[in-house]
Every structure is written in C-alpha cells, then in structure tokens.
Amino acid sequence: MKKLWKCSVCGYTMEGAEAPENCPKCGAPREQFTELSEEAAKKVYDSYVTNDLHMELAVLAEKMIHLSRKGIEINLDPACLAIFQSAEAAGYVIKEKSKAEIAGHISKGKW
C-alpha cells in the first residue's frame, strides 16, 4: 500500500513516498504533514469505493424523485399516485442518507 500523508492544517490527503514540500491546497510546509497509519490509510482507500457508491445512489435517488413527481402530476388513479408518492419519499430518504454518510466519512478523514 502506498503511503498517505495528511496536512494537519487543512486536512488535504495525498499519496507519495514522502510528504510534499508544501501542501497543494493551503501551502503549509512539509512539517505540517503526518503519515497515516496503515490501518487509517486502508480506511481511506476503502472509503474511496463506498463514497463513489453513495454518490451514485444519491444521483439515482434524485432521478427516482424526479420520475415520481412526473407520475404524481399525471395522477392517473389513487393506486398509481400512492406508488409515486411512496417512491418520491423513499428517494428523498435514500438521497439524504447517502449524503449524510459521505459527510460522516469526510469528517473522519475517510475521503
């Protein structure tokens, strides 16, 4: 596994054999970088995959919400309307849960 370095000033994380001369984001000097442990680095790498999955789920949920709203507007019959209303609500919940999970990963440095 490659080494991961984290800027203690801004939280920027980067891969490399050694920390950069200066942080590409905030300009902090090399001394402000710490090497992540192997366990912490593995969590970051694993979270790359799950974060991408959560982003995709949020996009799909937004599409589901949009499609459901079209069905709600048509309002063909009560059973059809109920399905679209349920799908709209479920899409919103899924979208918000995925966004919250990504935010949690970010707050823990798993991004």
C-alpha atoms as a PDB file:
ATOM      1  CA  MET A   1       0.000   0.000   0.000  1.00  0.00           C
ATOM      2  CA  LYS A   2       1.252   3.480  -0.862  1.00  0.00           C
ATOM      3  CA  LYS A   3       1.946   5.983   1.889  1.00  0.00           C
ATOM      4  CA  LEU A   4      -0.746   8.549   2.609  1.00  0.00           C
ATOM      5  CA  TRP A   5       0.088  11.922   4.065  1.00  0.00           C
ATOM      6  CA  LYS A   6      -2.361  14.319   5.717  1.00  0.00           C
ATOM      7  CA  CYS A   7      -1.922  18.057   6.169  1.00  0.00           C
ATOM      8  CA  SER A   8      -2.648  18.955   9.785  1.00  0.00           C
ATOM      9  CA  VAL A   9      -3.626  22.490   8.755  1.00  0.00           C
ATOM     10  CA  CYS A  10      -6.336  21.879   6.137  1.00  0.00           C
ATOM     11  CA  GLY A  11      -6.852  18.088   6.076  1.00  0.00           C
ATOM     12  CA  TYR A  12      -5.617  17.608   2.487  1.00  0.00           C
ATOM     13  CA  THR A  13      -4.594  13.965   1.951  1.00  0.00           C
ATOM     14  CA  MET A  14      -2.135  12.825  -0.683  1.00  0.00           C
ATOM     15  CA  GLU A  15      -0.232   9.763  -1.813  1.00  0.00           C
ATOM     16  CA  GLY A  16       3.514   9.643  -2.140  1.00  0.00           C
ATOM     17  CA  ALA A  17       6.811   8.274  -0.934  1.00  0.00           C
ATOM     18  CA  GLU A  18       7.158  11.392   1.209  1.00  0.00           C
ATOM     19  CA  ALA A  19       5.143  14.449   2.117  1.00  0.00           C
ATOM     20  CA  PRO A  20       5.220  17.315  -0.392  1.00  0.00           C
ATOM     21  CA  GLU A  21       7.406  20.374   0.107  1.00  0.00           C
ATOM     22  CA  ASN A  22       4.215  22.418   0.573  1.00  0.00           C
ATOM     23  CA  CYS A  23       0.558  21.482   0.784  1.00  0.00           C
ATOM     24  CA  PRO A  24      -1.060  21.816  -2.661  1.00  0.00           C
ATOM     25  CA  LYS A  25      -4.241  23.167  -1.028  1.00  0.00           C
ATOM     26  CA  CYS A  26      -3.149  25.561   1.724  1.00  0.00           C
ATOM     27  CA  GLY A  27       0.612  25.929   1.189  1.00  0.00           C
ATOM     28  CA  ALA A  28       1.576  24.622   4.637  1.00  0.00           C
ATOM     29  CA  PRO A  29       5.174  23.354   4.851  1.00  0.00           C
ATOM     30  CA  ARG A  30       6.123  19.663   4.793  1.00  0.00           C
ATOM     31  CA  GLU A  31       6.442  19.623   8.591  1.00  0.00           C
ATOM     32  CA  GLN A  32       2.669  20.020   8.857  1.00  0.00           C
ATOM     33  CA  PHE A  33       2.093  16.631   7.176  1.00  0.00           C
ATOM     34  CA  THR A  34       1.782  13.375   9.085  1.00  0.00           C
ATOM     35  CA  GLU A  35       1.889   9.904   7.603  1.00  0.00           C
ATOM     36  CA  LEU A  36      -1.315   7.953   8.120  1.00  0.00           C
ATOM     37  CA  SER A  37      -1.013   4.563   9.759  1.00  0.00           C
ATOM     38  CA  GLU A  38      -1.542   1.518   7.560  1.00  0.00           C
ATOM     39  CA  GLU A  39      -4.945   0.986   9.200  1.00  0.00           C
ATOM     40  CA  ALA A  40      -6.027   4.615   8.629  1.00  0.00           C
ATOM     41  CA  ALA A  41      -4.761   4.512   5.036  1.00  0.00           C
ATOM     42  CA  LYS A  42      -6.737   1.311   4.365  1.00  0.00           C
ATOM     43  CA  LYS A  43      -9.904   3.017   5.623  1.00  0.00           C
ATOM     44  CA  VAL A  44      -9.271   5.947   3.284  1.00  0.00           C
ATOM     45  CA  TYR A  45      -8.738   3.648   0.287  1.00  0.00           C
ATOM     46  CA  ASP A  46     -11.805   1.542   1.175  1.00  0.00           C
ATOM     47  CA  SER A  47     -13.886   4.687   1.555  1.00  0.00           C
ATOM     48  CA  TYR A  48     -12.992   5.800  -1.982  1.00  0.00           C
ATOM     49  CA  VAL A  49     -15.145   2.933  -3.243  1.00  0.00           C
ATOM     50  CA  THR A  50     -18.038   3.412  -0.833  1.00  0.00           C
ATOM     51  CA  ASN A  51     -18.075   7.192  -1.300  1.00  0.00           C
ATOM     52  CA  ASP A  52     -18.388   6.696  -5.065  1.00  0.00           C
ATOM     53  CA  LEU A  53     -21.221   4.234  -4.465  1.00  0.00           C
ATOM     54  CA  HIS A  54     -23.008   6.682  -2.174  1.00  0.00           C
ATOM     55  CA  MET A  55     -22.644   9.466  -4.743  1.00  0.00           C
ATOM     56  CA  GLU A  56     -24.136   7.212  -7.402  1.00  0.00           C
ATOM     57  CA  LEU A  57     -27.003   6.251  -5.080  1.00  0.00           C
ATOM     58  CA  ALA A  58     -27.734   9.928  -4.425  1.00  0.00           C
ATOM     59  CA  VAL A  59     -27.860  10.623  -8.174  1.00  0.00           C
ATOM     60  CA  LEU A  60     -30.128   7.634  -8.799  1.00  0.00           C
ATOM     61  CA  ALA A  61     -32.363   8.636  -5.897  1.00  0.00           C
ATOM     62  CA  GLU A  62     -32.673  12.140  -7.372  1.00  0.00           C
ATOM     63  CA  LYS A  63     -33.722  10.590 -10.686  1.00  0.00           C
ATOM     64  CA  MET A  64     -36.285   8.476  -8.821  1.00  0.00           C
ATOM     65  CA  ILE A  65     -37.652  11.607  -7.129  1.00  0.00           C
ATOM     66  CA  HIS A  66     -37.905  13.407 -10.469  1.00  0.00           C
ATOM     67  CA  LEU A  67     -39.678  10.481 -12.154  1.00  0.00           C
ATOM     68  CA  SER A  68     -42.036  10.094  -9.207  1.00  0.00           C
ATOM     69  CA  ARG A  69     -43.000  13.763  -9.375  1.00  0.00           C
ATOM     70  CA  LYS A  70     -43.948  13.312 -13.038  1.00  0.00           C
ATOM     71  CA  GLY A  71     -46.198  10.406 -12.048  1.00  0.00           C
ATOM     72  CA  ILE A  72     -47.706  12.456  -9.230  1.00  0.00           C
ATOM     73  CA  GLU A  73     -48.511  15.268 -11.684  1.00  0.00           C
ATOM     74  CA  ILE A  74     -50.292  12.827 -14.011  1.00  0.00           C
ATOM     75  CA  ASN A  75     -52.322  11.458 -11.074  1.00  0.00           C
ATOM     76  CA  LEU A  76     -53.829   8.630 -13.106  1.00  0.00           C
ATOM     77  CA  ASP A  77     -55.575   6.844 -10.238  1.00  0.00           C
ATOM     78  CA  PRO A  78     -55.227   6.501  -6.440  1.00  0.00           C
ATOM     79  CA  ALA A  79     -53.121   3.319  -6.506  1.00  0.00           C
ATOM     80  CA  CYS A  80     -50.719   4.734  -9.098  1.00  0.00           C
ATOM     81  CA  LEU A  81     -50.480   8.044  -7.210  1.00  0.00           C
ATOM     82  CA  ALA A  82     -49.719   6.226  -3.950  1.00  0.00           C
ATOM     83  CA  ILE A  83     -46.817   4.342  -5.540  1.00  0.00           C
ATOM     84  CA  PHE A  84     -45.316   7.533  -6.947  1.00  0.00           C
ATOM     85  CA  GLN A  85     -45.716   9.343  -3.628  1.00  0.00           C
ATOM     86  CA  SER A  86     -44.075   6.446  -1.790  1.00  0.00           C
ATOM     87  CA  ALA A  87     -41.228   6.332  -4.315  1.00  0.00           C
ATOM     88  CA  GLU A  88     -40.681  10.083  -4.019  1.00  0.00           C
ATOM     89  CA  ALA A  89     -40.452   9.862  -0.231  1.00  0.00           C
ATOM     90  CA  ALA A  90     -38.153   6.819  -0.343  1.00  0.00           C
ATOM     91  CA  GLY A  91     -35.908   8.507  -2.908  1.00  0.00           C
ATOM     92  CA  TYR A  92     -35.519  11.527  -0.666  1.00  0.00           C
ATOM     93  CA  VAL A  93     -34.609   9.335   2.329  1.00  0.00           C
ATOM     94  CA  ILE A  94     -32.029   7.351   0.343  1.00  0.00           C
ATOM     95  CA  LYS A  95     -30.502  10.507  -1.119  1.00  0.00           C
ATOM     96  CA  GLU A  96     -30.202  12.189   2.278  1.00  0.00           C
ATOM     97  CA  LYS A  97     -28.812   9.060   3.982  1.00  0.00           C
ATOM     98  CA  SER A  98     -26.106   8.738   1.328  1.00  0.00           C
ATOM     99  CA  LYS A  99     -25.215  12.423   1.614  1.00  0.00           C
ATOM    100  CA  ALA A 100     -25.011  12.120   5.408  1.00  0.00           C
ATOM    101  CA  GLU A 101     -22.798   9.038   5.133  1.00  0.00           C
ATOM    102  CA  ILE A 102     -20.415  10.854   2.785  1.00  0.00           C
ATOM    103  CA  ALA A 103     -20.317  13.797   5.210  1.00  0.00           C
ATOM    104  CA  GLY A 104     -19.516  11.362   8.029  1.00  0.00           C
ATOM    105  CA  HIS A 105     -16.683   9.856   6.023  1.00  0.00           C
ATOM    106  CA  ILE A 106     -15.290  13.300   5.284  1.00  0.00           C
ATOM    107  CA  SER A 107     -15.431  14.324   8.957  1.00  0.00           C
ATOM    108  CA  LYS A 108     -13.436  11.193   9.833  1.00  0.00           C
ATOM    109  CA  GLY A 109     -10.843  11.798   7.099  1.00  0.00           C
ATOM    110  CA  LYS A 110     -12.080   8.863   5.013  1.00  0.00           C
ATOM    111  CA  TRP A 111     -12.313  10.582   1.686  1.00  0.00           C
END
